[in-house]
Amino acid sequence: MTLDTTTLRIAFGAIAVTLFVLFYTVSFRQTRSAYSAWWCAAVALFFTGSFSFLLDGTAHQVWANPLGNTLLVLGTVSVWAGARTLRTSKPAWIQLSAAPLLTLFASALDSPATNTWSGGPVFLGMMSLTIGLASWELWRLPSSYSKVQAPLAVSSGFLAILYLARCLVFVVEGPDGRIFTTYFGSGITTLITMLLLVVVSFSAAALSAEQIATDLRARADRDALTGLLNRSGFLDLATTHTDRLARTERSGTLILADLDFFKSVNDTHGHAAGDTVLKAFAEACTETVRSTDLVGRYGGEEFIFLLPGATVSRSEDITRDVSMALRGHSTPGGFEMPTVSYGIAAIESTGYDLDAAIDAADRALYAAKASGRDRSVRAIGPAMEGRGSSAEPPDGPVRV
C-alpha cells in the first residue's frame, strides 16, 4: 500500500495545531516555564514546516522547500533548548542558529526549484543531531526528576536514530533508491514522526504538570523574601533528616541564629534596608553550608540550620564563616551589617528529638544574647544538666 504523503502532511499539521493549542492553554499559561515555551515554539515550527512542503511541485517550491527544511530543524532545536533548560540554561544563540542556518544554505544551494530533496543529507543529519541532543539532555537529568523523562528520552532517541538511518541511506543510494523509498520515504517517516509527536507531546504535558506541582510545593516551602525554607518547610525536611540520623546513629547539629539589634536597622534605615540584611544573611548561609545541609527562616530575623554529620566544633566554625560572609556584603546605604548570635545543640545529645534540639538551641541562643551577643554558645546535653548552666560550655562562649 502506498502512503499518500500529502494527506499525511495535512494530518501532521492538524495534529500539530491541536497539540499547540492544548499545550499552550494547559501547560504554558499555567507554568510560564522556559521548557513549556520552547515546546510550544517547537510544535508551531513543526506545523509551519510541514505546511511549507505542501507547496512542493508548484512554482513556490524554490523557497518553500528550503523554508520547510529550516523550520523543521528549528523545531527540533527548540526541543533541544527546552530539554536543556530542565538541567541548566538555554543554549547560546550561536548554538541555536547553527543547525538551521546550515540547513538553509544547503537547501538553497541544491537546486530547490527542481529538487524536492534539496539539501537532503544536511537536513536529515541536522534533524538527527538536534533530536539526539535533546534525548541526551533528558537522559542526563537525575532519575528522580520526573516519571516521564525516560519515555521522552527514549522516544526522542528513537526518532534521532530514524533520521540518522535516513541520512545514511540517502547518502548511499539517493532519494530514489529502493531501500530509501521503501523504508525511509517521506510518507512512512511522516506517519512515524506524527505518532511520536503525539506520544512525546503527552509526555511533555505530563512533565509540565509535574513542574506545576513542583513549583507549588516550592512556593509553599520557601520564604518569599530570602528564598530559604520557611518554618514549616524546614521542619518537614528536618524531621526526615533527624530520623535518618537516628537510624544510623550519626552525629548532627541544630543551630538557631538571630540577627543582633535588627529592629534598629529597620528603625534607622527603613524596612527596605532590613530586607537587604535578611537577604544578605540568607546568601551568606547558602554560600557557606553544604548542599546537604538545611537552612530556613524560622521567623522574623531568626534562622535555623540542620547540619547532618557535623560536630558542635565544626558548627562553631560554620557560624564564624557565615558571620564573616555577612560582614563582607555591601549595603546600599553604607551602613554596617548587624552581628549575629547563635545557639548550637547536638542532635544526638537530645536523643535525636528535633523539638528537644530546637529547645536546647533556643536556650543556648538566649545565653549568647545575654552574654554580649555576636557569639555562638553550645547547649549542654541532658546528661550534663544540673551541673551548671544549660547553655554554657566549660570553656565559655565562642565569639564569631
Protein backbone atom coordinates (compact mmCIF):
# COMPACT_ATOMS: atom_id res chain seq x y z
CA MET A 1 0.00 0.00 0.00
CA THR A 2 1.32 3.45 -0.94
CA LEU A 3 1.00 6.12 1.71
CA ASP A 4 -0.38 9.45 0.49
CA THR A 5 2.36 11.85 1.65
CA THR A 6 0.25 14.97 1.09
CA THR A 7 -2.62 13.64 3.21
CA LEU A 8 -0.22 12.58 5.94
CA ARG A 9 1.38 16.01 5.99
CA ILE A 10 -2.02 17.66 6.27
CA ALA A 11 -2.87 15.30 9.13
CA PHE A 12 0.50 16.01 10.73
CA GLY A 13 -0.16 19.75 10.51
CA ALA A 14 -3.65 19.37 12.00
CA ILE A 15 -2.29 17.32 14.89
CA ALA A 16 0.48 19.86 15.45
CA VAL A 17 -2.03 22.73 15.60
CA THR A 18 -4.22 20.81 18.06
CA LEU A 19 -1.23 19.96 20.25
CA PHE A 20 -0.05 23.57 20.15
CA VAL A 21 -3.43 24.88 21.34
CA LEU A 22 -3.68 22.26 24.08
CA PHE A 23 -0.09 22.68 25.22
CA TYR A 24 -0.29 26.47 25.22
CA THR A 25 -3.56 26.67 27.13
CA VAL A 26 -2.96 23.81 29.57
CA SER A 27 0.80 23.92 30.16
CA PHE A 28 2.44 27.20 29.20
CA ARG A 29 -0.22 29.54 30.55
CA GLN A 30 -0.05 27.80 33.91
CA THR A 31 3.68 27.29 34.29
CA ARG A 32 5.17 30.10 32.17
CA SER A 33 8.25 27.91 32.26
CA ALA A 34 11.02 28.11 29.68
CA TYR A 35 10.51 24.42 28.91
CA SER A 36 6.82 24.92 28.03
CA ALA A 37 7.65 27.99 25.92
CA TRP A 38 10.26 26.11 23.89
CA TRP A 39 7.91 23.18 23.36
CA CYS A 40 5.12 25.48 22.15
CA ALA A 41 7.59 27.03 19.73
CA ALA A 42 8.66 23.57 18.54
CA VAL A 43 5.11 22.42 17.79
CA ALA A 44 4.36 25.68 15.94
CA LEU A 45 7.51 25.27 13.84
CA PHE A 46 6.65 21.64 13.04
CA PHE A 47 3.26 22.76 11.75
CA THR A 48 4.57 25.61 9.58
CA GLY A 49 7.42 23.48 8.26
CA SER A 50 5.10 20.65 7.30
CA PHE A 51 2.72 23.12 5.63
CA SER A 52 5.58 24.50 3.53
CA PHE A 53 6.18 21.07 1.98
CA LEU A 54 2.62 21.12 0.58
CA LEU A 55 3.90 23.64 -1.97
CA ASP A 56 6.32 21.10 -3.48
CA GLY A 57 5.63 20.70 -7.20
CA THR A 58 4.42 24.28 -7.56
CA ALA A 59 6.22 27.45 -8.57
CA HIS A 60 6.70 28.24 -4.88
CA GLN A 61 8.84 25.16 -4.27
CA VAL A 62 12.00 27.20 -4.83
CA TRP A 63 11.54 28.97 -1.49
CA ALA A 64 9.02 26.70 0.27
CA ASN A 65 11.23 23.61 0.29
CA PRO A 66 14.30 25.24 1.90
CA LEU A 67 11.97 27.06 4.29
CA GLY A 68 10.26 23.80 5.31
CA ASN A 69 13.61 22.10 5.97
CA THR A 70 14.81 25.06 8.03
CA LEU A 71 11.60 25.35 10.07
CA LEU A 72 11.62 21.64 10.93
CA VAL A 73 15.24 21.85 12.10
CA LEU A 74 14.33 24.97 14.10
CA GLY A 75 11.58 22.91 15.72
CA THR A 76 13.97 20.19 16.80
CA VAL A 77 16.42 22.85 18.02
CA SER A 78 13.58 24.21 20.18
CA VAL A 79 13.02 20.72 21.60
CA TRP A 80 16.72 20.56 22.47
CA ALA A 81 16.67 24.04 24.02
CA GLY A 82 13.63 23.11 26.12
CA ALA A 83 15.26 19.91 27.34
CA ARG A 84 18.40 21.86 28.19
CA THR A 85 16.50 24.33 30.38
CA LEU A 86 15.43 21.43 32.60
CA ARG A 87 19.06 20.77 33.52
CA THR A 88 20.99 24.01 33.06
CA SER A 89 20.19 27.05 30.98
CA LYS A 90 19.21 27.57 27.37
CA PRO A 91 21.96 27.30 24.73
CA ALA A 92 23.60 30.42 23.34
CA TRP A 93 22.07 31.92 20.21
CA ILE A 94 25.01 30.76 18.11
CA GLN A 95 24.24 27.19 19.18
CA LEU A 96 20.57 27.62 18.39
CA SER A 97 21.16 29.11 14.95
CA ALA A 98 23.99 26.92 13.65
CA ALA A 99 21.92 23.89 12.54
CA PRO A 100 19.06 25.90 10.94
CA LEU A 101 21.49 28.15 9.03
CA LEU A 102 23.47 25.17 7.70
CA THR A 103 20.21 23.56 6.60
CA LEU A 104 19.02 26.75 4.92
CA PHE A 105 22.25 27.26 2.98
CA ALA A 106 22.47 23.60 1.92
CA SER A 107 18.84 23.59 0.75
CA ALA A 108 19.06 26.92 -1.05
CA LEU A 109 22.19 25.89 -2.97
CA ASP A 110 20.91 22.47 -4.10
CA SER A 111 18.53 23.43 -6.95
CA PRO A 112 15.39 23.85 -4.81
CA ALA A 113 13.27 24.84 -7.84
CA THR A 114 13.52 21.32 -9.29
CA ASN A 115 14.87 19.17 -6.44
CA THR A 116 12.30 18.32 -3.77
CA TRP A 117 15.13 16.84 -1.70
CA SER A 118 17.37 19.91 -1.89
CA GLY A 119 19.93 19.81 0.90
CA GLY A 120 18.61 16.40 1.91
CA PRO A 121 21.73 14.96 3.65
CA VAL A 122 22.30 18.13 5.68
CA PHE A 123 18.60 18.40 6.60
CA LEU A 124 18.39 14.77 7.74
CA GLY A 125 21.73 14.99 9.56
CA MET A 126 20.74 18.15 11.45
CA MET A 127 17.40 16.61 12.42
CA SER A 128 19.18 13.55 13.81
CA LEU A 129 21.79 15.64 15.62
CA THR A 130 19.40 18.08 17.32
CA ILE A 131 16.86 15.41 18.32
CA GLY A 132 19.73 13.30 19.65
CA LEU A 133 20.97 16.24 21.72
CA ALA A 134 17.50 16.64 23.20
CA SER A 135 17.43 12.94 24.10
CA TRP A 136 20.88 13.23 25.69
CA GLU A 137 19.80 16.21 27.81
CA LEU A 138 16.79 14.25 29.07
CA TRP A 139 18.94 11.22 29.93
CA ARG A 140 21.30 13.42 31.92
CA LEU A 141 18.56 14.56 34.27
CA PRO A 142 18.59 12.90 37.72
CA SER A 143 16.47 9.74 37.73
CA SER A 144 14.26 11.29 40.41
CA TYR A 145 13.50 14.39 38.34
CA SER A 146 10.36 13.10 36.64
CA LYS A 147 8.43 9.93 35.90
CA VAL A 148 8.13 10.80 32.20
CA GLN A 149 11.70 11.80 31.38
CA ALA A 150 12.60 8.23 30.40
CA PRO A 151 9.73 7.89 27.84
CA LEU A 152 10.64 11.31 26.49
CA ALA A 153 14.30 10.38 26.15
CA VAL A 154 13.52 7.00 24.54
CA SER A 155 11.06 8.50 22.05
CA SER A 156 13.49 11.26 21.14
CA GLY A 157 16.34 8.79 20.85
CA PHE A 158 14.36 6.52 18.55
CA LEU A 159 13.46 9.46 16.31
CA ALA A 160 17.11 10.57 16.20
CA ILE A 161 18.18 7.08 15.12
CA LEU A 162 15.46 7.03 12.46
CA TYR A 163 16.70 10.29 10.95
CA LEU A 164 20.30 9.12 11.15
CA ALA A 165 19.39 5.96 9.24
CA ARG A 166 17.52 8.05 6.65
CA CYS A 167 20.58 10.27 6.25
CA LEU A 168 22.96 7.35 5.75
CA VAL A 169 20.72 5.54 3.25
CA PHE A 170 20.10 8.82 1.40
CA VAL A 171 23.84 9.40 1.04
CA VAL A 172 24.46 5.81 -0.14
CA GLU A 173 21.67 5.35 -2.69
CA GLY A 174 19.88 8.72 -3.02
CA PRO A 175 16.18 9.58 -2.59
CA ASP A 176 15.10 7.26 -5.41
CA GLY A 177 16.84 4.15 -4.09
CA ARG A 178 14.80 1.06 -3.26
CA ILE A 179 15.65 0.93 0.45
CA PHE A 180 15.10 4.66 0.94
CA THR A 181 11.73 4.78 -0.80
CA THR A 182 10.55 1.53 0.84
CA TYR A 183 11.60 2.17 4.45
CA PHE A 184 12.63 5.82 4.77
CA GLY A 185 10.47 7.75 2.32
CA SER A 186 8.53 10.86 3.29
CA GLY A 187 5.23 9.00 3.72
CA ILE A 188 6.25 6.38 6.26
CA THR A 189 8.55 8.70 8.20
CA THR A 190 5.83 11.38 8.37
CA LEU A 191 3.48 8.77 9.86
CA ILE A 192 6.08 7.61 12.40
CA THR A 193 7.00 11.18 13.29
CA MET A 194 3.32 12.05 13.71
CA LEU A 195 2.76 9.17 16.12
CA LEU A 196 5.90 10.00 18.08
CA LEU A 197 4.89 13.66 18.23
CA VAL A 198 1.66 12.67 19.95
CA VAL A 199 3.49 10.40 22.42
CA VAL A 200 6.19 12.96 23.14
CA SER A 201 3.68 15.82 23.46
CA PHE A 202 1.61 13.99 26.04
CA SER A 203 4.80 13.10 27.92
CA ALA A 204 5.88 16.74 27.71
CA ALA A 205 2.48 17.84 29.01
CA ALA A 206 2.84 15.42 31.92
CA LEU A 207 6.28 16.86 32.63
CA SER A 208 4.82 20.36 32.64
CA ALA A 209 2.12 19.21 35.06
CA GLU A 210 4.87 17.89 37.33
CA GLN A 211 6.62 21.25 37.01
CA ILE A 212 3.43 22.96 38.19
CA ALA A 213 3.21 20.66 41.21
CA THR A 214 6.92 21.15 41.97
CA ASP A 215 6.57 24.91 41.68
CA LEU A 216 3.58 24.93 44.02
CA ARG A 217 5.47 22.81 46.55
CA ALA A 218 8.47 25.12 46.30
CA ARG A 219 6.27 28.17 46.83
CA ALA A 220 4.67 26.52 49.86
CA ASP A 221 8.00 25.52 51.40
CA ARG A 222 10.07 28.61 50.61
CA ASP A 223 10.28 32.03 52.20
CA ALA A 224 9.41 34.60 49.54
CA LEU A 225 11.98 37.17 50.65
CA THR A 226 15.11 35.10 51.27
CA GLY A 227 14.45 32.02 49.13
CA LEU A 228 15.31 29.81 52.10
CA LEU A 229 12.99 27.17 53.51
CA ASN A 230 10.20 28.63 55.57
CA ARG A 231 9.44 27.32 59.04
CA SER A 232 7.05 24.54 58.05
CA GLY A 233 9.18 23.51 55.06
CA PHE A 234 12.28 23.30 57.23
CA LEU A 235 10.58 21.30 59.99
CA ASP A 236 9.17 18.78 57.50
CA LEU A 237 12.58 18.11 55.94
CA ALA A 238 14.42 18.31 59.27
CA THR A 239 12.18 15.60 60.73
CA THR A 240 13.13 13.26 57.87
CA HIS A 241 16.83 14.06 58.23
CA THR A 242 16.75 13.63 62.01
CA ASP A 243 15.06 10.23 61.71
CA ARG A 244 17.75 9.18 59.25
CA LEU A 245 20.48 10.29 61.67
CA ALA A 246 18.81 8.31 64.46
CA ARG A 247 18.68 5.13 62.38
CA THR A 248 22.37 5.38 61.51
CA GLU A 249 23.39 6.81 64.92
CA ARG A 250 25.30 9.61 63.23
CA SER A 251 26.07 13.00 64.71
CA GLY A 252 24.44 16.23 63.67
CA THR A 253 23.81 19.72 64.98
CA LEU A 254 20.95 22.16 65.04
CA ILE A 255 21.67 25.89 65.10
CA LEU A 256 19.39 28.82 65.83
CA ALA A 257 20.69 32.21 64.65
CA ASP A 258 19.34 35.65 65.45
CA LEU A 259 20.45 38.97 63.94
CA ASP A 260 21.53 41.30 66.75
CA PHE A 261 19.69 44.63 67.10
CA PHE A 262 17.83 44.02 63.88
CA LYS A 263 14.97 46.31 64.92
CA SER A 264 17.36 49.25 64.98
CA VAL A 265 18.20 48.62 61.31
CA ASN A 266 14.53 48.95 60.40
CA ASP A 267 14.03 51.96 62.66
CA THR A 268 17.15 53.80 61.46
CA HIS A 269 17.41 52.87 57.79
CA GLY A 270 13.92 51.66 56.90
CA HIS A 271 12.34 48.28 56.19
CA ALA A 272 13.95 48.08 52.74
CA ALA A 273 17.33 48.07 54.47
CA GLY A 274 16.08 45.37 56.82
CA ASP A 275 15.04 43.25 53.85
CA THR A 276 18.51 43.77 52.36
CA VAL A 277 20.09 42.47 55.57
CA LEU A 278 17.84 39.41 55.66
CA LYS A 279 18.63 38.55 52.04
CA ALA A 280 22.34 39.12 52.62
CA PHE A 281 22.30 36.76 55.60
CA ALA A 282 20.46 34.14 53.54
CA GLU A 283 23.13 34.44 50.83
CA ALA A 284 25.88 34.16 53.44
CA CYS A 285 24.28 30.96 54.69
CA THR A 286 23.91 29.33 51.28
CA GLU A 287 27.47 30.34 50.35
CA THR A 288 28.84 28.66 53.48
CA VAL A 289 26.87 25.50 54.22
CA ARG A 290 26.92 22.27 52.21
CA SER A 291 24.22 21.31 49.72
CA THR A 292 23.16 18.52 52.11
CA ASP A 293 22.57 20.96 54.99
CA LEU A 294 19.20 22.58 55.66
CA VAL A 295 18.76 26.32 56.25
CA GLY A 296 15.46 28.03 56.92
CA ARG A 297 13.97 31.30 58.05
CA TYR A 298 12.44 30.41 61.39
CA GLY A 299 10.62 33.70 61.84
CA GLY A 300 11.40 37.40 61.59
CA GLU A 301 15.17 37.80 61.89
CA GLU A 302 15.67 34.29 63.31
CA PHE A 303 17.12 31.48 61.18
CA ILE A 304 17.60 27.77 61.73
CA PHE A 305 20.17 25.25 60.45
CA LEU A 306 20.36 21.47 60.48
CA LEU A 307 23.84 20.14 59.72
CA PRO A 308 23.81 16.32 59.38
CA GLY A 309 27.13 14.72 60.29
CA ALA A 310 28.59 17.94 61.72
CA THR A 311 30.08 18.12 65.20
CA VAL A 312 29.45 21.03 67.54
CA SER A 313 33.03 22.19 67.00
CA ARG A 314 32.59 22.14 63.22
CA SER A 315 29.30 24.02 63.60
CA GLU A 316 31.08 26.76 65.51
CA ASP A 317 33.43 27.15 62.56
CA ILE A 318 30.44 27.37 60.23
CA THR A 319 28.76 30.09 62.30
CA ARG A 320 32.03 32.04 62.25
CA ASP A 321 32.24 31.69 58.46
CA VAL A 322 28.62 32.76 57.99
CA SER A 323 29.17 35.88 60.11
CA MET A 324 32.32 36.74 58.15
CA ALA A 325 30.46 36.29 54.86
CA LEU A 326 27.67 38.56 56.10
CA ARG A 327 30.13 41.28 57.06
CA GLY A 328 31.56 41.10 53.55
CA HIS A 329 28.23 42.05 51.96
CA SER A 330 27.85 45.67 50.93
CA THR A 331 24.72 47.70 51.71
CA PRO A 332 23.08 50.42 49.59
CA GLY A 333 23.20 52.93 52.42
CA GLY A 334 26.71 52.05 53.50
CA PHE A 335 25.64 51.01 56.99
CA GLU A 336 27.31 48.12 58.77
CA MET A 337 25.74 44.71 58.75
CA PRO A 338 24.46 43.61 62.16
CA THR A 339 26.24 40.91 64.12
CA VAL A 340 24.68 37.51 64.70
CA SER A 341 24.18 35.34 67.80
CA TYR A 342 23.97 31.56 67.56
CA GLY A 343 22.77 28.72 69.77
CA ILE A 344 24.13 25.27 68.89
CA ALA A 345 22.70 21.91 70.01
CA ALA A 346 23.97 18.42 69.20
CA ILE A 347 21.15 16.30 67.79
CA GLU A 348 22.44 13.10 69.36
CA SER A 349 22.60 14.66 72.83
CA THR A 350 18.83 15.22 72.72
CA GLY A 351 18.11 11.61 71.76
CA TYR A 352 17.51 12.64 68.13
CA ASP A 353 14.40 14.54 69.25
CA LEU A 354 14.02 17.52 66.90
CA ASP A 355 11.80 19.52 69.25
CA ALA A 356 14.22 18.96 72.14
CA ALA A 357 17.13 20.03 69.95
CA ILE A 358 15.33 23.22 68.96
CA ASP A 359 14.53 23.95 72.60
CA ALA A 360 18.16 23.37 73.61
CA ALA A 361 19.46 25.58 70.79
CA ASP A 362 16.95 28.27 71.74
CA ARG A 363 18.22 28.29 75.35
CA ALA A 364 21.78 28.46 74.06
CA LEU A 365 20.83 31.37 71.78
CA TYR A 366 19.29 33.17 74.76
CA ALA A 367 22.56 32.66 76.65
CA ALA A 368 24.51 34.08 73.68
CA LYS A 369 22.31 37.17 73.71
CA ALA A 370 22.61 37.55 77.47
CA SER A 371 26.40 37.24 77.44
CA GLY A 372 27.02 40.04 74.96
CA ARG A 373 25.78 38.88 71.51
CA ASP A 374 27.95 38.33 68.41
CA ARG A 375 28.92 34.82 69.53
CA SER A 376 27.88 31.18 69.44
CA VAL A 377 27.03 29.20 72.56
CA ARG A 378 26.79 25.44 72.88
CA ALA A 379 23.78 23.87 74.51
CA ILE A 380 24.53 21.44 77.35
CA GLY A 381 23.09 17.99 76.76
CA PRO A 382 20.54 16.48 79.17
CA ALA A 383 23.21 14.30 80.81
CA MET A 384 25.09 17.41 81.95
CA GLU A 385 22.12 19.40 83.17
CA GLY A 386 22.15 20.13 86.87
CA ARG A 387 25.92 20.65 86.92
CA GLY A 388 25.77 24.22 85.67
CA SER A 389 24.22 26.43 83.08
CA SER A 390 22.20 24.58 80.46
CA ALA A 391 23.73 26.65 77.70
CA GLU A 392 27.31 27.41 78.54
CA PRO A 393 30.30 25.29 77.57
CA PRO A 394 33.09 24.68 80.09
CA ASP A 395 35.48 26.96 78.18
CA GLY A 396 32.98 29.78 77.65
CA PRO A 397 31.18 31.12 74.58
CA VAL A 398 32.81 31.29 71.18
CA ARG A 399 33.00 34.74 69.60
CA VAL A 400 32.04 34.89 65.93
